[in-house]
Amino acid sequence: MKLELDNIRNILLDLEENLGYNQSFCNADLVERANKLGIAKEDYFYTIDRLSEANYVNVVYREPTYQPIVYVKSITYDGHQFLENIRNDKNWKKTKAVAKAAGNTSIKIISTIAEKVGAEIALNVLGLK
């Protein structure tokens, strides 16, 4: 499966807006979130798994006999930091363009690029560059 960059951003933004403190989303909630975002269920859960591996969301997995249950508990500190770097549409478009030109769209590389793009834009706004 391919990890879609826009799915990463859209899911994080959606979780930030809709997942309350001390609340969690489980399978049915996540399917509903996927539908609202227009993301296929399989792509949504795949992205959640990758965000968990990257330590951007806290996820608990339960393995009953019939179907795994996924609980998304929160966005981590690292996830919030990443989200702040990709929140702005201008930053996000530039981040994706740089990643595409570099031929690398791993979450780690996207995070690094987004941080650099955000810093560059901030320096330009401040007239320091």
C-alpha atoms as a PDB file:
ATOM      1  CA  MET A   1       0.000   0.000   0.000  1.00  0.00           C
ATOM      2  CA  LYS A   2       1.113   3.532  -0.654  1.00  0.00           C
ATOM      3  CA  LEU A   3       1.236   6.136   2.111  1.00  0.00           C
ATOM      4  CA  GLU A   4      -0.554   9.224   0.801  1.00  0.00           C
ATOM      5  CA  LEU A   5       0.849  12.518   2.077  1.00  0.00           C
ATOM      6  CA  ASP A   6      -2.462  14.358   2.012  1.00  0.00           C
ATOM      7  CA  ASN A   7      -4.052  11.562   4.057  1.00  0.00           C
ATOM      8  CA  ILE A   8      -1.410  12.079   6.751  1.00  0.00           C
ATOM      9  CA  ARG A   9      -2.177  15.777   7.009  1.00  0.00           C
ATOM     10  CA  ASN A  10      -5.943  15.451   6.729  1.00  0.00           C
ATOM     11  CA  ILE A  11      -6.125  12.721   9.378  1.00  0.00           C
ATOM     12  CA  LEU A  12      -3.966  14.638  11.842  1.00  0.00           C
ATOM     13  CA  LEU A  13      -5.983  17.821  11.342  1.00  0.00           C
ATOM     14  CA  ASP A  14      -9.218  15.887  11.779  1.00  0.00           C
ATOM     15  CA  LEU A  15      -8.022  14.115  14.938  1.00  0.00           C
ATOM     16  CA  GLU A  16      -6.858  17.396  16.421  1.00  0.00           C
ATOM     17  CA  GLU A  17     -10.259  18.960  15.819  1.00  0.00           C
ATOM     18  CA  ASN A  18     -12.485  16.038  16.808  1.00  0.00           C
ATOM     19  CA  LEU A  19     -10.656  13.880  19.340  1.00  0.00           C
ATOM     20  CA  GLY A  20     -11.221  15.306  22.814  1.00  0.00           C
ATOM     21  CA  TYR A  21      -8.964  15.018  25.822  1.00  0.00           C
ATOM     22  CA  ASN A  22      -9.249  11.629  27.542  1.00  0.00           C
ATOM     23  CA  GLN A  23     -11.363  10.334  24.645  1.00  0.00           C
ATOM     24  CA  SER A  24     -10.537   7.701  22.048  1.00  0.00           C
ATOM     25  CA  PHE A  25     -11.808   6.688  18.648  1.00  0.00           C
ATOM     26  CA  CYS A  26     -12.252   2.978  17.952  1.00  0.00           C
ATOM     27  CA  ASN A  27     -12.951   1.121  14.699  1.00  0.00           C
ATOM     28  CA  ALA A  28     -16.506   2.414  14.062  1.00  0.00           C
ATOM     29  CA  ASP A  29     -15.486   5.993  14.912  1.00  0.00           C
ATOM     30  CA  LEU A  30     -12.449   5.748  12.648  1.00  0.00           C
ATOM     31  CA  VAL A  31     -14.531   4.433   9.749  1.00  0.00           C
ATOM     32  CA  GLU A  32     -16.859   7.410  10.255  1.00  0.00           C
ATOM     33  CA  ARG A  33     -13.878   9.804  10.259  1.00  0.00           C
ATOM     34  CA  ALA A  34     -12.554   8.142   7.083  1.00  0.00           C
ATOM     35  CA  ASN A  35     -15.916   8.587   5.365  1.00  0.00           C
ATOM     36  CA  LYS A  36     -16.092  12.261   6.374  1.00  0.00           C
ATOM     37  CA  LEU A  37     -12.611  12.821   4.953  1.00  0.00           C
ATOM     38  CA  GLY A  38     -13.327  10.854   1.779  1.00  0.00           C
ATOM     39  CA  ILE A  39     -10.525   8.376   2.491  1.00  0.00           C
ATOM     40  CA  ALA A  40     -10.979   4.672   1.800  1.00  0.00           C
ATOM     41  CA  LYS A  41     -11.213   2.683   5.043  1.00  0.00           C
ATOM     42  CA  GLU A  42      -8.120   0.603   4.242  1.00  0.00           C
ATOM     43  CA  ASP A  43      -6.072   3.709   3.416  1.00  0.00           C
ATOM     44  CA  TYR A  44      -7.253   5.412   6.600  1.00  0.00           C
ATOM     45  CA  PHE A  45      -6.275   2.498   8.859  1.00  0.00           C
ATOM     46  CA  TYR A  46      -2.978   2.048   6.993  1.00  0.00           C
ATOM     47  CA  THR A  47      -2.163   5.720   7.587  1.00  0.00           C
ATOM     48  CA  ILE A  48      -3.116   5.457  11.270  1.00  0.00           C
ATOM     49  CA  ASP A  49      -0.755   2.480  11.610  1.00  0.00           C
ATOM     50  CA  ARG A  50       2.101   4.416   9.997  1.00  0.00           C
ATOM     51  CA  LEU A  51       1.413   7.489  12.157  1.00  0.00           C
ATOM     52  CA  SER A  52       1.558   5.223  15.202  1.00  0.00           C
ATOM     53  CA  GLU A  53       4.889   3.762  14.072  1.00  0.00           C
ATOM     54  CA  ALA A  54       6.218   7.304  13.570  1.00  0.00           C
ATOM     55  CA  ASN A  55       5.101   8.158  17.126  1.00  0.00           C
ATOM     56  CA  TYR A  56       2.658  10.823  15.894  1.00  0.00           C
ATOM     57  CA  VAL A  57      -0.468   9.215  17.370  1.00  0.00           C
ATOM     58  CA  ASN A  58      -1.026   7.046  20.426  1.00  0.00           C
ATOM     59  CA  VAL A  59      -2.802   3.865  19.383  1.00  0.00           C
ATOM     60  CA  VAL A  60      -3.870   0.817  21.382  1.00  0.00           C
ATOM     61  CA  TYR A  61      -4.541  -2.425  19.514  1.00  0.00           C
ATOM     62  CA  ARG A  62      -6.767  -5.195  20.848  1.00  0.00           C
ATOM     63  CA  GLU A  63      -6.795  -8.603  19.179  1.00  0.00           C
ATOM     64  CA  PRO A  64     -10.111 -10.349  19.834  1.00  0.00           C
ATOM     65  CA  THR A  65     -10.757 -13.549  17.934  1.00  0.00           C
ATOM     66  CA  TYR A  66     -12.917 -12.035  15.194  1.00  0.00           C
ATOM     67  CA  GLN A  67     -11.466  -8.606  14.281  1.00  0.00           C
ATOM     68  CA  PRO A  68      -8.673  -6.386  15.608  1.00  0.00           C
ATOM     69  CA  ILE A  69      -9.853  -3.285  17.440  1.00  0.00           C
ATOM     70  CA  VAL A  70      -7.920  -0.055  17.053  1.00  0.00           C
ATOM     71  CA  TYR A  71      -8.197   2.753  19.593  1.00  0.00           C
ATOM     72  CA  VAL A  72      -6.693   6.116  18.661  1.00  0.00           C
ATOM     73  CA  LYS A  73      -6.117   7.820  22.006  1.00  0.00           C
ATOM     74  CA  SER A  74      -4.351  11.086  21.114  1.00  0.00           C
ATOM     75  CA  ILE A  75      -1.877  12.940  18.967  1.00  0.00           C
ATOM     76  CA  THR A  76       1.577  12.783  20.541  1.00  0.00           C
ATOM     77  CA  TYR A  77       3.823  15.763  21.215  1.00  0.00           C
ATOM     78  CA  ASP A  78       5.855  14.830  18.116  1.00  0.00           C
ATOM     79  CA  GLY A  79       2.620  14.583  16.147  1.00  0.00           C
ATOM     80  CA  HIS A  80       1.602  18.079  17.232  1.00  0.00           C
ATOM     81  CA  GLN A  81       5.019  19.443  16.300  1.00  0.00           C
ATOM     82  CA  PHE A  82       4.761  17.835  12.868  1.00  0.00           C
ATOM     83  CA  LEU A  83       1.215  19.125  12.429  1.00  0.00           C
ATOM     84  CA  GLU A  84       2.269  22.672  13.244  1.00  0.00           C
ATOM     85  CA  ASN A  85       4.860  22.477  10.463  1.00  0.00           C
ATOM     86  CA  ILE A  86       2.319  21.280   7.872  1.00  0.00           C
ATOM     87  CA  ARG A  87      -0.832  23.083   9.034  1.00  0.00           C
ATOM     88  CA  ASN A  88      -0.421  26.128   6.786  1.00  0.00           C
ATOM     89  CA  ASP A  89      -1.479  25.389   3.192  1.00  0.00           C
ATOM     90  CA  LYS A  90       1.464  27.333   1.751  1.00  0.00           C
ATOM     91  CA  ASN A  91       3.958  25.393   3.903  1.00  0.00           C
ATOM     92  CA  TRP A  92       2.276  22.094   3.005  1.00  0.00           C
ATOM     93  CA  LYS A  93       2.342  22.724  -0.745  1.00  0.00           C
ATOM     94  CA  LYS A  94       5.990  23.736  -0.642  1.00  0.00           C
ATOM     95  CA  THR A  95       6.865  20.755   1.574  1.00  0.00           C
ATOM     96  CA  LYS A  96       5.214  18.332  -0.861  1.00  0.00           C
ATOM     97  CA  ALA A  97       6.904  19.976  -3.846  1.00  0.00           C
ATOM     98  CA  VAL A  98      10.349  19.706  -2.241  1.00  0.00           C
ATOM     99  CA  ALA A  99       9.735  16.083  -1.230  1.00  0.00           C
ATOM    100  CA  LYS A 100       8.543  15.204  -4.719  1.00  0.00           C
ATOM    101  CA  ALA A 101      11.573  16.891  -6.307  1.00  0.00           C
ATOM    102  CA  ALA A 102      13.848  15.022  -3.895  1.00  0.00           C
ATOM    103  CA  GLY A 103      12.072  11.762  -4.671  1.00  0.00           C
ATOM    104  CA  ASN A 104      11.550  10.931  -1.007  1.00  0.00           C
ATOM    105  CA  THR A 105       8.211  11.041   0.759  1.00  0.00           C
ATOM    106  CA  SER A 106       8.889   9.118   3.957  1.00  0.00           C
ATOM    107  CA  ILE A 107       7.267  10.588   7.055  1.00  0.00           C
ATOM    108  CA  LYS A 108      10.683  11.329   8.551  1.00  0.00           C
ATOM    109  CA  ILE A 109      11.845  13.204   5.449  1.00  0.00           C
ATOM    110  CA  ILE A 110       8.514  15.043   5.115  1.00  0.00           C
ATOM    111  CA  SER A 111       8.826  16.115   8.747  1.00  0.00           C
ATOM    112  CA  THR A 112      12.360  17.406   8.208  1.00  0.00           C
ATOM    113  CA  ILE A 113      11.399  19.246   5.024  1.00  0.00           C
ATOM    114  CA  ALA A 114       8.305  20.750   6.674  1.00  0.00           C
ATOM    115  CA  GLU A 115      10.390  22.016   9.583  1.00  0.00           C
ATOM    116  CA  LYS A 116      12.915  23.625   7.219  1.00  0.00           C
ATOM    117  CA  VAL A 117      10.167  25.116   5.018  1.00  0.00           C
ATOM    118  CA  GLY A 118       8.432  26.568   8.073  1.00  0.00           C
ATOM    119  CA  ALA A 119      11.662  28.077   9.361  1.00  0.00           C
ATOM    120  CA  GLU A 120      12.483  29.524   5.932  1.00  0.00           C
ATOM    121  CA  ILE A 121       9.043  31.118   5.603  1.00  0.00           C
ATOM    122  CA  ALA A 122       9.261  32.537   9.150  1.00  0.00           C
ATOM    123  CA  LEU A 123      12.670  34.061   8.398  1.00  0.00           C
ATOM    124  CA  ASN A 124      11.285  35.622   5.212  1.00  0.00           C
ATOM    125  CA  VAL A 125       8.300  37.058   7.094  1.00  0.00           C
ATOM    126  CA  LEU A 126      10.633  38.541   9.680  1.00  0.00           C
ATOM    127  CA  GLY A 127      12.877  39.932   6.941  1.00  0.00           C
ATOM    128  CA  LEU A 128      15.834  37.967   8.244  1.00  0.00           C
ATOM    129  CA  LYS A 129      16.559  36.164   5.020  1.00  0.00           C
END
